[in-house]
N, C-alpha and C. Protein backbone atom coordinates (compact mmCIF):
# COMPACT_ATOMS: atom_id res chain seq x y z
N MET A 1 -68.09 36.53 -96.87
CA MET A 1 -68.22 36.13 -95.47
C MET A 1 -66.84 35.82 -94.92
N PRO A 2 -66.33 36.64 -94.03
CA PRO A 2 -65.05 36.32 -93.38
C PRO A 2 -65.18 35.12 -92.45
N GLN A 3 -64.07 34.45 -92.27
CA GLN A 3 -64.00 33.35 -91.32
C GLN A 3 -62.73 33.50 -90.49
N VAL A 4 -62.88 33.43 -89.18
CA VAL A 4 -61.74 33.37 -88.27
C VAL A 4 -61.48 31.88 -88.05
N TYR A 5 -60.36 31.41 -88.55
CA TYR A 5 -60.03 29.99 -88.49
C TYR A 5 -58.82 29.83 -87.56
N MET A 6 -59.02 29.14 -86.46
CA MET A 6 -57.99 29.02 -85.43
C MET A 6 -57.51 27.57 -85.34
N ILE A 7 -56.21 27.42 -85.37
CA ILE A 7 -55.60 26.10 -85.24
C ILE A 7 -54.83 26.07 -83.92
N LEU A 8 -55.26 25.19 -83.02
CA LEU A 8 -54.62 25.05 -81.72
C LEU A 8 -53.56 23.97 -81.80
N GLY A 9 -52.33 24.34 -81.57
CA GLY A 9 -51.25 23.37 -81.52
C GLY A 9 -51.35 22.54 -80.25
N PRO A 10 -50.52 21.51 -80.12
CA PRO A 10 -50.58 20.62 -78.95
C PRO A 10 -50.51 21.35 -77.61
N LYS A 11 -49.61 22.34 -77.47
CA LYS A 11 -49.49 23.06 -76.19
C LYS A 11 -50.78 23.81 -75.86
N ALA A 12 -51.36 24.48 -76.84
CA ALA A 12 -52.60 25.23 -76.62
C ALA A 12 -53.77 24.29 -76.34
N SER A 13 -53.78 23.14 -77.02
CA SER A 13 -54.87 22.18 -76.85
C SER A 13 -54.91 21.58 -75.45
N GLU A 14 -53.76 21.58 -74.78
CA GLU A 14 -53.69 21.03 -73.42
C GLU A 14 -54.26 21.98 -72.37
N LEU A 15 -54.46 23.23 -72.72
CA LEU A 15 -54.97 24.21 -71.76
C LEU A 15 -56.49 24.12 -71.68
N ARG A 16 -56.95 23.46 -70.64
CA ARG A 16 -58.39 23.24 -70.48
C ARG A 16 -59.17 24.55 -70.53
N GLY A 17 -58.66 25.58 -69.88
CA GLY A 17 -59.35 26.87 -69.86
C GLY A 17 -59.48 27.49 -71.23
N LEU A 18 -58.51 27.29 -72.08
CA LEU A 18 -58.58 27.82 -73.44
C LEU A 18 -59.61 27.05 -74.25
N VAL A 19 -59.54 25.74 -74.20
CA VAL A 19 -60.47 24.92 -74.97
C VAL A 19 -61.90 25.15 -74.51
N GLN A 20 -62.12 25.24 -73.20
CA GLN A 20 -63.47 25.48 -72.68
C GLN A 20 -63.97 26.89 -73.00
N GLY A 21 -63.06 27.81 -73.19
CA GLY A 21 -63.45 29.20 -73.44
C GLY A 21 -63.46 29.58 -74.91
N LEU A 22 -63.42 28.61 -75.81
CA LEU A 22 -63.34 28.94 -77.23
C LEU A 22 -64.54 29.72 -77.74
N ASP A 23 -65.72 29.48 -77.18
CA ASP A 23 -66.89 30.24 -77.63
C ASP A 23 -66.69 31.73 -77.33
N GLY A 24 -66.25 32.04 -76.12
CA GLY A 24 -66.03 33.45 -75.76
C GLY A 24 -64.91 34.07 -76.58
N LEU A 25 -63.83 33.34 -76.77
CA LEU A 25 -62.72 33.84 -77.58
C LEU A 25 -63.17 34.04 -79.02
N GLY A 26 -63.90 33.08 -79.55
CA GLY A 26 -64.40 33.19 -80.92
C GLY A 26 -65.30 34.40 -81.11
N ARG A 27 -66.20 34.62 -80.18
CA ARG A 27 -67.10 35.78 -80.28
C ARG A 27 -66.32 37.09 -80.17
N CYS A 28 -65.31 37.12 -79.33
CA CYS A 28 -64.45 38.30 -79.20
C CYS A 28 -63.73 38.59 -80.51
N LEU A 29 -63.16 37.56 -81.12
CA LEU A 29 -62.44 37.75 -82.37
C LEU A 29 -63.38 38.11 -83.52
N ILE A 30 -64.56 37.50 -83.56
CA ILE A 30 -65.55 37.86 -84.58
C ILE A 30 -65.87 39.34 -84.49
N ALA A 31 -66.17 39.81 -83.28
CA ALA A 31 -66.54 41.22 -83.10
C ALA A 31 -65.41 42.15 -83.54
N SER A 32 -64.18 41.82 -83.17
CA SER A 32 -63.06 42.70 -83.52
C SER A 32 -62.79 42.69 -85.02
N VAL A 33 -62.92 41.54 -85.67
CA VAL A 33 -62.71 41.45 -87.12
C VAL A 33 -63.82 42.20 -87.86
N GLU A 34 -65.08 42.02 -87.44
CA GLU A 34 -66.18 42.72 -88.10
C GLU A 34 -66.05 44.24 -87.93
N GLU A 35 -65.64 44.66 -86.76
CA GLU A 35 -65.46 46.10 -86.55
C GLU A 35 -64.34 46.63 -87.45
N PHE A 36 -63.24 45.91 -87.50
CA PHE A 36 -62.12 46.34 -88.32
C PHE A 36 -62.50 46.39 -89.80
N LEU A 37 -63.24 45.39 -90.26
CA LEU A 37 -63.62 45.32 -91.67
C LEU A 37 -64.81 46.20 -92.02
N GLU A 38 -65.30 46.92 -91.01
CA GLU A 38 -66.44 47.84 -91.17
C GLU A 38 -67.70 47.11 -91.65
N ILE A 39 -67.92 45.92 -91.10
CA ILE A 39 -69.15 45.18 -91.36
C ILE A 39 -69.81 44.81 -90.04
N LYS A 40 -69.55 45.65 -89.02
CA LYS A 40 -70.11 45.41 -87.69
C LYS A 40 -71.63 45.30 -87.78
N GLY A 41 -72.17 44.28 -87.13
CA GLY A 41 -73.60 44.08 -87.12
C GLY A 41 -74.11 43.25 -88.29
N ALA A 42 -73.23 42.93 -89.23
CA ALA A 42 -73.65 42.12 -90.37
C ALA A 42 -73.86 40.66 -89.97
N ASN A 43 -73.30 40.28 -88.83
CA ASN A 43 -73.37 38.89 -88.36
C ASN A 43 -73.01 37.93 -89.49
N ASP A 44 -71.93 38.26 -90.17
CA ASP A 44 -71.54 37.51 -91.35
C ASP A 44 -70.15 36.91 -91.22
N THR A 45 -69.65 36.83 -90.00
CA THR A 45 -68.31 36.27 -89.79
C THR A 45 -68.44 34.99 -88.98
N ALA A 46 -67.75 33.95 -89.44
CA ALA A 46 -67.78 32.65 -88.77
C ALA A 46 -66.49 32.45 -87.98
N PHE A 47 -66.56 31.55 -87.02
CA PHE A 47 -65.38 31.18 -86.23
C PHE A 47 -65.29 29.66 -86.20
N THR A 48 -64.13 29.14 -86.49
CA THR A 48 -63.87 27.71 -86.42
C THR A 48 -62.55 27.50 -85.69
N ALA A 49 -62.53 26.57 -84.76
CA ALA A 49 -61.29 26.21 -84.08
C ALA A 49 -61.07 24.71 -84.25
N VAL A 50 -59.85 24.35 -84.61
CA VAL A 50 -59.49 22.94 -84.78
C VAL A 50 -58.20 22.67 -84.02
N GLN A 51 -57.99 21.40 -83.70
CA GLN A 51 -56.77 21.00 -83.00
C GLN A 51 -55.81 20.34 -83.99
N ALA A 52 -54.58 20.76 -83.94
CA ALA A 52 -53.53 20.13 -84.75
C ALA A 52 -52.99 18.94 -83.96
N LEU A 53 -52.85 17.82 -84.61
CA LEU A 53 -52.29 16.64 -83.95
C LEU A 53 -50.81 16.81 -83.67
N HIS A 54 -50.12 17.49 -84.59
CA HIS A 54 -48.69 17.65 -84.46
C HIS A 54 -48.27 18.87 -85.27
N THR A 55 -47.32 19.63 -84.76
CA THR A 55 -46.81 20.79 -85.51
C THR A 55 -45.28 20.80 -85.42
N VAL A 56 -44.68 21.39 -86.41
CA VAL A 56 -43.24 21.62 -86.43
C VAL A 56 -43.04 23.06 -86.89
N HIS A 57 -42.32 23.83 -86.11
CA HIS A 57 -42.03 25.23 -86.43
C HIS A 57 -43.30 26.07 -86.59
N GLU A 58 -44.32 25.79 -85.79
CA GLU A 58 -45.56 26.57 -85.82
C GLU A 58 -45.77 27.23 -84.46
N SER A 59 -46.56 28.29 -84.45
CA SER A 59 -46.95 28.94 -83.21
C SER A 59 -47.91 28.03 -82.44
N ASP A 60 -48.04 28.30 -81.14
CA ASP A 60 -48.98 27.52 -80.32
C ASP A 60 -50.40 27.66 -80.85
N VAL A 61 -50.72 28.88 -81.31
CA VAL A 61 -52.04 29.16 -81.88
C VAL A 61 -51.82 29.87 -83.21
N GLN A 62 -52.48 29.37 -84.23
CA GLN A 62 -52.43 30.01 -85.56
C GLN A 62 -53.83 30.53 -85.86
N VAL A 63 -53.91 31.78 -86.28
CA VAL A 63 -55.20 32.36 -86.64
C VAL A 63 -55.13 32.81 -88.09
N GLU A 64 -56.07 32.34 -88.87
CA GLU A 64 -56.22 32.79 -90.25
C GLU A 64 -57.51 33.59 -90.35
N ILE A 65 -57.45 34.73 -91.01
CA ILE A 65 -58.66 35.51 -91.28
C ILE A 65 -58.91 35.33 -92.78
N ARG A 66 -59.85 34.46 -93.11
CA ARG A 66 -60.14 34.13 -94.50
C ARG A 66 -61.29 35.00 -95.00
N PHE A 67 -61.15 35.50 -96.23
CA PHE A 67 -62.24 36.30 -96.80
C PHE A 67 -62.12 36.35 -98.32
N THR A 68 -63.27 36.41 -98.98
CA THR A 68 -63.26 36.61 -100.42
C THR A 68 -62.91 38.07 -100.67
N ALA A 69 -62.19 38.33 -101.74
CA ALA A 69 -61.72 39.69 -102.01
C ALA A 69 -61.95 40.05 -103.47
N GLY A 70 -61.91 41.35 -103.74
CA GLY A 70 -62.00 41.83 -105.10
C GLY A 70 -63.41 42.03 -105.61
N GLU A 71 -64.42 41.82 -104.77
CA GLU A 71 -65.82 42.00 -105.15
C GLU A 71 -66.47 42.96 -104.17
N ASP A 72 -67.54 43.61 -104.60
CA ASP A 72 -68.29 44.51 -103.71
C ASP A 72 -69.32 43.69 -102.95
N GLU A 73 -68.81 42.85 -102.07
CA GLU A 73 -69.65 41.89 -101.36
C GLU A 73 -70.71 42.54 -100.46
N TYR A 74 -70.41 43.69 -99.94
CA TYR A 74 -71.32 44.31 -98.96
C TYR A 74 -71.97 45.57 -99.50
N ALA A 75 -72.04 45.71 -100.83
CA ALA A 75 -72.71 46.84 -101.49
C ALA A 75 -72.23 48.18 -100.93
N ARG A 76 -70.92 48.31 -100.79
CA ARG A 76 -70.34 49.55 -100.28
C ARG A 76 -69.88 50.46 -101.42
N GLY A 77 -70.01 49.99 -102.66
CA GLY A 77 -69.60 50.78 -103.80
C GLY A 77 -68.14 50.63 -104.16
N LYS A 78 -67.45 49.71 -103.49
CA LYS A 78 -66.05 49.45 -103.80
C LYS A 78 -65.74 47.98 -103.49
N PRO A 79 -64.76 47.44 -104.20
CA PRO A 79 -64.41 46.03 -103.94
C PRO A 79 -63.93 45.84 -102.50
N PHE A 80 -64.21 44.68 -101.97
CA PHE A 80 -63.75 44.31 -100.64
C PHE A 80 -62.30 43.89 -100.77
N GLU A 81 -61.40 44.72 -100.29
CA GLU A 81 -59.98 44.50 -100.48
C GLU A 81 -59.22 45.09 -99.30
N LEU A 82 -58.20 44.43 -98.85
CA LEU A 82 -57.35 44.95 -97.78
C LEU A 82 -55.94 45.13 -98.32
N SER A 83 -55.41 46.33 -98.15
CA SER A 83 -54.01 46.58 -98.52
C SER A 83 -53.12 45.84 -97.52
N LEU A 84 -51.83 45.76 -97.83
CA LEU A 84 -50.90 45.14 -96.89
C LEU A 84 -50.86 45.91 -95.57
N ASP A 85 -50.97 47.24 -95.62
CA ASP A 85 -51.03 48.03 -94.38
C ASP A 85 -52.28 47.69 -93.58
N ASP A 86 -53.41 47.55 -94.27
CA ASP A 86 -54.65 47.15 -93.58
C ASP A 86 -54.49 45.77 -92.95
N GLN A 87 -53.84 44.87 -93.67
CA GLN A 87 -53.63 43.53 -93.12
C GLN A 87 -52.74 43.58 -91.88
N ASP A 88 -51.73 44.44 -91.91
CA ASP A 88 -50.87 44.60 -90.72
C ASP A 88 -51.69 45.10 -89.53
N ARG A 89 -52.58 46.04 -89.78
CA ARG A 89 -53.42 46.57 -88.70
C ARG A 89 -54.39 45.49 -88.19
N LEU A 90 -54.95 44.71 -89.10
CA LEU A 90 -55.84 43.62 -88.70
C LEU A 90 -55.09 42.60 -87.85
N ILE A 91 -53.88 42.27 -88.25
CA ILE A 91 -53.06 41.34 -87.47
C ILE A 91 -52.88 41.87 -86.05
N GLU A 92 -52.60 43.14 -85.92
CA GLU A 92 -52.40 43.74 -84.59
C GLU A 92 -53.69 43.72 -83.77
N VAL A 93 -54.82 43.97 -84.39
CA VAL A 93 -56.11 43.92 -83.69
C VAL A 93 -56.35 42.52 -83.15
N VAL A 94 -56.12 41.51 -83.97
CA VAL A 94 -56.33 40.13 -83.54
C VAL A 94 -55.35 39.78 -82.42
N ARG A 95 -54.09 40.16 -82.57
CA ARG A 95 -53.08 39.87 -81.53
C ARG A 95 -53.49 40.50 -80.20
N MET A 96 -53.85 41.76 -80.22
CA MET A 96 -54.22 42.45 -78.98
C MET A 96 -55.43 41.80 -78.32
N ASN A 97 -56.45 41.45 -79.10
CA ASN A 97 -57.64 40.83 -78.54
C ASN A 97 -57.35 39.43 -78.02
N PHE A 98 -56.51 38.68 -78.71
CA PHE A 98 -56.13 37.34 -78.26
C PHE A 98 -55.38 37.42 -76.93
N GLU A 99 -54.38 38.29 -76.87
CA GLU A 99 -53.59 38.42 -75.64
C GLU A 99 -54.43 38.95 -74.48
N SER A 100 -55.33 39.88 -74.75
CA SER A 100 -56.23 40.40 -73.71
C SER A 100 -57.13 39.30 -73.18
N TYR A 101 -57.62 38.46 -74.08
CA TYR A 101 -58.48 37.36 -73.66
C TYR A 101 -57.73 36.38 -72.77
N LEU A 102 -56.52 36.01 -73.16
CA LEU A 102 -55.73 35.11 -72.32
C LEU A 102 -55.51 35.69 -70.93
N HIS A 103 -55.20 36.98 -70.88
CA HIS A 103 -54.98 37.65 -69.60
C HIS A 103 -56.28 37.67 -68.78
N LEU A 104 -57.39 37.98 -69.42
CA LEU A 104 -58.69 38.07 -68.74
C LEU A 104 -59.07 36.76 -68.07
N VAL A 105 -58.78 35.64 -68.73
CA VAL A 105 -59.16 34.34 -68.16
C VAL A 105 -57.99 33.64 -67.48
N SER A 106 -56.94 34.40 -67.19
CA SER A 106 -55.78 33.92 -66.44
C SER A 106 -55.09 32.71 -67.07
N LEU A 107 -54.91 32.76 -68.36
CA LEU A 107 -54.17 31.71 -69.06
C LEU A 107 -52.77 32.21 -69.37
N PRO A 108 -51.81 31.31 -69.47
CA PRO A 108 -50.44 31.73 -69.78
C PRO A 108 -50.33 32.25 -71.21
N LYS A 109 -49.29 33.03 -71.45
CA LYS A 109 -49.05 33.53 -72.80
C LYS A 109 -48.72 32.36 -73.72
N LEU A 110 -49.16 32.48 -74.95
CA LEU A 110 -48.89 31.48 -75.98
C LEU A 110 -48.33 32.19 -77.20
N SER A 111 -47.53 31.48 -77.98
CA SER A 111 -47.08 32.08 -79.23
C SER A 111 -48.26 32.08 -80.20
N LEU A 112 -48.27 33.07 -81.07
CA LEU A 112 -49.41 33.29 -81.96
C LEU A 112 -48.91 33.71 -83.33
N SER A 113 -49.54 33.20 -84.35
CA SER A 113 -49.35 33.72 -85.71
C SER A 113 -50.72 34.12 -86.25
N VAL A 114 -50.75 35.20 -87.00
CA VAL A 114 -52.00 35.69 -87.58
C VAL A 114 -51.75 35.91 -89.07
N TRP A 115 -52.64 35.37 -89.89
CA TRP A 115 -52.46 35.42 -91.33
C TRP A 115 -53.76 35.80 -92.02
N PRO A 116 -53.90 37.06 -92.44
CA PRO A 116 -55.05 37.41 -93.28
C PRO A 116 -54.92 36.67 -94.62
N LYS A 117 -55.99 36.03 -95.05
CA LYS A 117 -55.94 35.22 -96.27
C LYS A 117 -57.05 35.65 -97.22
N PRO A 118 -56.78 36.67 -98.04
CA PRO A 118 -57.79 37.04 -99.04
C PRO A 118 -57.85 36.00 -100.15
N TYR A 119 -59.06 35.63 -100.52
CA TYR A 119 -59.25 34.69 -101.61
C TYR A 119 -59.79 35.46 -102.81
N HIS A 120 -58.95 35.64 -103.82
CA HIS A 120 -59.34 36.35 -105.03
C HIS A 120 -59.92 35.36 -106.05
N GLY A 121 -60.86 35.87 -106.83
CA GLY A 121 -61.44 35.04 -107.88
C GLY A 121 -62.16 33.83 -107.33
N SER A 122 -62.78 33.99 -106.16
CA SER A 122 -63.48 32.86 -105.55
C SER A 122 -64.86 33.30 -105.10
N ARG A 123 -65.69 32.34 -104.83
CA ARG A 123 -67.04 32.59 -104.33
C ARG A 123 -67.24 31.75 -103.06
N PHE A 124 -68.12 32.25 -102.22
CA PHE A 124 -68.54 31.51 -101.04
C PHE A 124 -70.05 31.53 -101.00
N LYS A 125 -70.65 30.38 -100.83
CA LYS A 125 -72.10 30.28 -100.65
C LYS A 125 -72.38 29.28 -99.56
N SER A 126 -73.40 29.55 -98.79
CA SER A 126 -73.79 28.67 -97.71
C SER A 126 -75.24 28.26 -97.96
N PHE A 127 -75.56 27.01 -97.64
CA PHE A 127 -76.91 26.51 -97.91
C PHE A 127 -77.52 25.96 -96.62
N ALA A 128 -78.71 26.39 -96.29
CA ALA A 128 -79.40 25.92 -95.10
C ALA A 128 -79.84 24.47 -95.30
N LYS A 129 -80.12 23.79 -94.20
CA LYS A 129 -80.56 22.39 -94.27
C LYS A 129 -81.86 22.28 -95.01
């Protein structure tokens, strides 16, 4: 299960329009990540946004794409793995969608970092209430 994990630095957190629009931004990023990872329609990607109290030498917005790797998680007949080139392309997809979203809702440009984070040798399980 991939997770789009967004950390809003102090400058980004002050933008009321960004904070109020996180649901739309999250859904946009989920869709683009699922399409890129070829799991579109799996509804298996989560989005979390948190506010950083303080940052030093960080982008205004940090996005991590977290996912378990090295297993055939989606029964595709091959391990779920992204090469460094694939990660570069995923970074670009997230950047383009983030910048398009800011433009669409008339928000100023913000600095952005994107970090695909494959977790090898790990498991993820979720339990209903």
